[in-house]
Amino acid sequence: MTYLTMEPKQKRTIADFFENIQDPRIERTKQHKLIDIITIAICAVICGAETWIAIETYGKAKKKWLKQFLELPNGIPSHDTCARLFARINPQQFQ
């Protein structure tokens, strides 16, 4: 009788999927980590956010939880920051 052993899958994070995406921002203007903004946006959209303001609102409401796995050195990014960043990200890289 042959037994198949199933090894547990390695856990992957959102950061794992976006580690190679190029940050289009100028270094001196970065107040928030790229992966923090991407993660907040993805989580917010999964929870039903449909606008940049809704993404910011989600981030503020869930800040304590997000701080468990994001750095958030300058808090939750504003809706304007999110909009500017996503307007400049290379769509092919993001996909």
Foldseek 3Di string as FASTA:
>chain_A
DDDDDDDDDDDDDPCNLQVPWDFPDDPVPDPADPSLLVVLVVVQVVVPDDALQSSQVSCVVCVVVSVVPGVCNPGGDHSVVSVVRVVPTDVVSVD
